[in-house]
Amino acid sequence: MFSANENMALRQHKRRIIQYVEETMPEDLLDLGVTVLVMQVSCRAPGCVPLETVITIIFPPSTQELLPGLPESQNSGKFTTKVLLPMSDITKEDVLEALPPAFEGGRQSMERLCLRARDVMLAQITQLCTSLESKRFMAQYLEECLGEFTKNDFEAPEYGEPFPTKDNMIDITETDVEQLSDKTENIAIGRSSDKDKDDITKEDPKPELKQDGE
C-alpha cells in the first residue's frame, strides 16, 4: 500500500508522462478524443525489471489511420508500449524511445528493440558466467534454445521447463545444469572461490590413448 504522499507523487508522474505522450500527437487528433493511460506495474518474471511503466493510447472510431503509419490508430484501436523504468524515473527521452516514428519524435524501431534484447541477454551472460568456458557453454546453449523457440512458432516453454522437442538440442545432463546453477549462484552472492569460477564448466580430463606396443 502507498501512503497519501506516495499516491500524490505517482499521480504527478503519471500526468507528466501523459503530457509527454500527448505532445507527440497533433492537437486536432487529441480533440477527437484520444485517451492516454499510464500504469506502473511490478514484474516478477525472470529477467524483468522490478517496476515498469505501461503506456496505452486508445484512439476514437475511424475507418482511416488517424496517425499515418500506425495501424492501431484506426477502428477504435489501441497502441500499447512500455518503458522498463518506474514512473518516477521516466524522462521525455524515454517516452520517445518507446514510441514508433508515427508519433512526432518517436524513435522506436525493430533495430532498437533487437539491440536492447541483445544487450540484456549479453549482460546476463556476463554477470552469471565469469570464465571463458562458462560463457562459451551458455552462449551455445542459448543459441540452441533460440533455434527451438523458432521451430516452435515462437512459443516459449513454461519457466524452468525444456522445450517439448529436444531435436538438435545440445547434450546437457541434469547434473551439468545443477553444477552450473550452483556455481553461478555462489558467484552472484560472492561466495565462490577462484577455483569455482574457473571450474564452472570444466570437463573431466579424457584418458590418454596408448599407442600399440606400449
Protein backbone atom coordinates (compact mmCIF):
# COMPACT_ATOMS: atom_id res chain seq x y z
CA MET A 1 0.00 0.00 0.00
CA PHE A 2 1.16 3.52 -0.81
CA SER A 3 0.93 6.44 1.58
CA ALA A 4 -1.04 9.58 0.68
CA ASN A 5 2.17 11.38 -0.27
CA GLU A 6 3.33 8.47 -2.43
CA ASN A 7 -0.02 8.33 -4.22
CA MET A 8 0.15 12.06 -4.87
CA ALA A 9 3.66 11.71 -6.28
CA LEU A 10 2.57 8.83 -8.55
CA ARG A 11 -0.31 10.88 -9.90
CA GLN A 12 2.06 13.74 -10.66
CA HIS A 13 4.43 11.42 -12.50
CA LYS A 14 1.50 9.92 -14.40
CA ARG A 15 0.28 13.35 -15.55
CA ARG A 16 3.81 14.26 -16.60
CA ILE A 17 4.17 11.12 -18.74
CA ILE A 18 0.72 11.61 -20.28
CA GLN A 19 1.79 15.12 -21.27
CA TYR A 20 4.95 13.73 -22.90
CA VAL A 21 2.82 11.35 -24.97
CA GLU A 22 0.22 13.94 -25.93
CA GLU A 23 2.95 16.29 -27.15
CA THR A 24 3.79 13.73 -29.86
CA MET A 25 0.29 13.92 -31.40
CA PRO A 26 -1.45 16.74 -33.33
CA GLU A 27 -3.92 18.91 -31.44
CA ASP A 28 -6.77 18.05 -33.80
CA LEU A 29 -6.23 14.36 -33.07
CA LEU A 30 -6.34 14.97 -29.32
CA ASP A 31 -9.57 16.93 -29.84
CA LEU A 32 -11.17 13.83 -31.36
CA GLY A 33 -10.91 12.09 -28.01
CA VAL A 34 -7.63 10.18 -27.80
CA THR A 35 -7.13 8.67 -24.35
CA VAL A 36 -3.68 8.09 -22.86
CA LEU A 37 -3.41 5.65 -19.96
CA VAL A 38 -0.26 5.21 -17.88
CA MET A 39 0.21 2.47 -15.30
CA GLN A 40 3.15 1.37 -13.19
CA VAL A 41 3.29 -2.38 -12.75
CA SER A 42 5.56 -4.81 -10.95
CA CYS A 43 7.03 -7.80 -12.73
CA ARG A 44 8.38 -10.94 -11.08
CA ALA A 45 9.10 -12.91 -14.24
CA PRO A 46 12.73 -13.90 -14.83
CA GLY A 47 14.72 -11.08 -16.38
CA CYS A 48 12.08 -8.43 -15.65
CA VAL A 49 12.87 -5.15 -14.00
CA PRO A 50 11.09 -4.81 -10.63
CA LEU A 51 8.92 -1.88 -11.79
CA GLU A 52 7.98 -0.92 -15.34
CA THR A 53 5.57 1.57 -16.86
CA VAL A 54 2.92 0.60 -19.41
CA ILE A 55 1.58 3.28 -21.75
CA THR A 56 -1.66 2.64 -23.64
CA ILE A 57 -3.09 5.04 -26.23
CA ILE A 58 -6.75 4.48 -27.17
CA PHE A 59 -7.94 6.02 -30.42
CA PRO A 60 -11.51 7.11 -31.29
CA PRO A 61 -13.53 5.38 -34.06
CA SER A 62 -12.17 5.96 -37.55
CA THR A 63 -12.04 3.99 -40.79
CA GLN A 64 -8.66 5.55 -41.59
CA GLU A 65 -5.39 5.70 -39.71
CA LEU A 66 -5.53 8.78 -37.51
CA LEU A 67 -1.77 8.58 -37.23
CA PRO A 68 -0.39 7.64 -40.66
CA GLY A 69 1.82 4.57 -40.39
CA LEU A 70 0.18 3.31 -37.19
CA PRO A 71 -2.45 0.61 -37.93
CA GLU A 72 -3.65 0.68 -34.32
CA SER A 73 -4.89 4.25 -34.81
CA GLN A 74 -7.97 3.16 -36.78
CA ASN A 75 -11.19 1.31 -35.88
CA SER A 76 -11.06 2.32 -32.19
CA GLY A 77 -7.73 0.60 -31.87
CA LYS A 78 -5.17 0.95 -29.12
CA PHE A 79 -1.41 1.07 -29.09
CA THR A 80 0.50 -0.22 -26.07
CA THR A 81 4.16 0.16 -25.25
CA LYS A 82 6.27 0.03 -22.12
CA VAL A 83 9.24 1.71 -20.53
CA LEU A 84 11.37 -0.51 -18.32
CA LEU A 85 11.54 2.08 -15.57
CA PRO A 86 9.31 3.20 -12.69
CA MET A 87 7.23 6.29 -13.46
CA SER A 88 9.38 8.47 -11.21
CA ASP A 89 12.49 7.84 -13.34
CA ILE A 90 10.97 8.33 -16.80
CA THR A 91 12.10 11.27 -18.91
CA LYS A 92 10.69 12.56 -22.18
CA GLU A 93 13.57 10.86 -23.97
CA ASP A 94 12.48 7.52 -22.51
CA VAL A 95 8.95 8.08 -23.83
CA LEU A 96 10.22 8.94 -27.31
CA GLU A 97 12.36 5.79 -27.29
CA ALA A 98 9.20 3.77 -26.57
CA LEU A 99 7.09 5.32 -29.36
CA PRO A 100 7.40 4.48 -33.09
CA PRO A 101 8.12 7.18 -35.70
CA ALA A 102 4.37 7.61 -36.39
CA PHE A 103 4.42 9.75 -33.24
CA GLU A 104 6.30 13.03 -33.58
CA GLY A 105 9.83 12.41 -32.33
CA GLY A 106 9.20 8.70 -31.78
CA ARG A 107 12.33 6.58 -32.19
CA GLN A 108 11.22 3.03 -31.52
CA SER A 109 12.24 0.59 -34.26
CA MET A 110 12.79 -3.13 -34.64
CA GLU A 111 16.52 -2.50 -34.79
CA ARG A 112 16.44 -0.69 -31.43
CA LEU A 113 14.31 -3.45 -29.89
CA CYS A 114 16.74 -6.09 -31.16
CA LEU A 115 19.71 -4.21 -29.77
CA ARG A 116 18.01 -3.88 -26.40
CA ALA A 117 17.20 -7.61 -26.27
CA ARG A 118 20.77 -8.43 -27.30
CA ASP A 119 22.27 -6.16 -24.66
CA VAL A 120 20.07 -7.64 -21.92
CA MET A 121 21.00 -11.21 -22.87
CA LEU A 122 24.73 -10.49 -23.13
CA ALA A 123 24.68 -8.63 -19.82
CA GLN A 124 23.07 -11.65 -18.14
CA ILE A 125 25.71 -13.99 -19.55
CA THR A 126 28.49 -11.67 -18.38
CA GLN A 127 27.03 -11.44 -14.87
CA LEU A 128 26.34 -15.16 -14.44
CA CYS A 129 29.44 -16.60 -16.10
CA THR A 130 32.91 -15.47 -15.12
CA SER A 131 35.12 -17.89 -17.04
CA LEU A 132 35.57 -18.09 -20.79
CA GLU A 133 34.43 -21.71 -20.84
CA SER A 134 31.21 -20.98 -18.95
CA LYS A 135 30.40 -18.10 -21.31
CA ARG A 136 31.00 -20.34 -24.31
CA PHE A 137 28.79 -23.03 -22.79
CA MET A 138 25.99 -20.55 -22.04
CA ALA A 139 26.16 -18.93 -25.48
CA GLN A 140 25.95 -22.31 -27.22
CA TYR A 141 23.02 -23.37 -25.07
CA LEU A 142 21.11 -20.13 -25.70
CA GLU A 143 21.79 -20.38 -29.42
CA GLU A 144 20.18 -23.81 -29.46
CA CYS A 145 17.26 -22.54 -27.37
CA LEU A 146 16.61 -19.73 -29.85
CA GLY A 147 16.55 -22.31 -32.62
CA GLU A 148 13.97 -24.35 -30.70
CA PHE A 149 11.98 -21.18 -29.98
CA THR A 150 11.80 -20.51 -33.73
CA LYS A 151 10.88 -24.12 -34.57
CA ASN A 152 8.05 -23.99 -32.00
CA ASP A 153 6.45 -20.95 -33.70
CA PHE A 154 7.88 -18.64 -31.04
CA GLU A 155 6.03 -20.33 -28.19
CA ALA A 156 8.22 -20.33 -25.10
CA PRO A 157 8.11 -23.28 -22.69
CA GLU A 158 6.98 -22.91 -19.11
CA TYR A 159 9.55 -21.23 -16.91
CA GLY A 160 12.27 -23.70 -15.99
CA GLU A 161 10.95 -26.39 -18.34
CA PRO A 162 12.66 -27.66 -21.54
CA PHE A 163 11.15 -27.24 -24.96
CA PRO A 164 8.74 -30.03 -25.94
CA THR A 165 11.06 -31.20 -28.73
CA LYS A 166 14.69 -31.94 -27.99
CA ASP A 167 16.00 -32.45 -31.52
CA ASN A 168 19.29 -30.68 -32.14
CA MET A 169 19.50 -29.54 -28.51
CA ILE A 170 22.96 -29.76 -27.04
CA ASP A 171 23.50 -32.67 -24.70
CA ILE A 172 23.26 -31.21 -21.20
CA THR A 173 22.61 -33.53 -18.30
CA GLU A 174 20.71 -32.58 -15.16
CA THR A 175 24.00 -32.77 -13.26
CA ASP A 176 25.59 -30.26 -15.65
CA VAL A 177 22.71 -27.82 -15.14
CA GLU A 178 22.74 -28.24 -11.36
CA GLN A 179 26.50 -27.70 -11.17
CA LEU A 180 26.29 -24.61 -13.37
CA SER A 181 23.41 -23.23 -11.31
CA ASP A 182 25.24 -23.85 -8.03
CA LYS A 183 28.44 -22.22 -9.26
CA THR A 184 26.74 -19.17 -10.79
CA GLU A 185 24.57 -18.71 -7.69
CA ASN A 186 27.64 -18.72 -5.47
CA ILE A 187 29.39 -16.23 -7.72
CA ALA A 188 26.36 -13.95 -7.79
CA ILE A 189 26.32 -13.66 -3.98
CA GLY A 190 30.09 -13.55 -3.57
CA ARG A 191 30.69 -16.98 -2.02
CA SER A 192 32.74 -18.55 -4.79
CA SER A 193 36.45 -19.14 -4.76
CA ASP A 194 38.72 -18.57 -7.71
CA LYS A 195 38.76 -22.30 -8.30
CA ASP A 196 34.92 -22.32 -8.53
CA LYS A 197 34.99 -19.57 -11.13
CA ASP A 198 37.48 -21.46 -13.29
CA ASP A 199 35.70 -24.82 -12.97
CA ILE A 200 32.10 -23.89 -13.79
CA THR A 201 32.08 -25.91 -16.99
CA LYS A 202 35.40 -27.71 -16.82
CA GLU A 203 35.09 -31.25 -18.18
CA ASP A 204 36.72 -34.29 -16.68
CA PRO A 205 40.11 -34.96 -18.32
CA LYS A 206 39.91 -37.54 -21.06
CA PRO A 207 42.05 -40.68 -20.60
CA GLU A 208 45.18 -40.79 -22.72
CA LEU A 209 45.15 -43.30 -25.57
CA LYS A 210 48.10 -45.70 -25.54
CA GLN A 211 49.92 -46.48 -28.78
CA ASP A 212 50.15 -50.09 -29.92
CA GLY A 213 53.05 -51.84 -28.31
CA GLU A 214 53.09 -49.67 -25.18
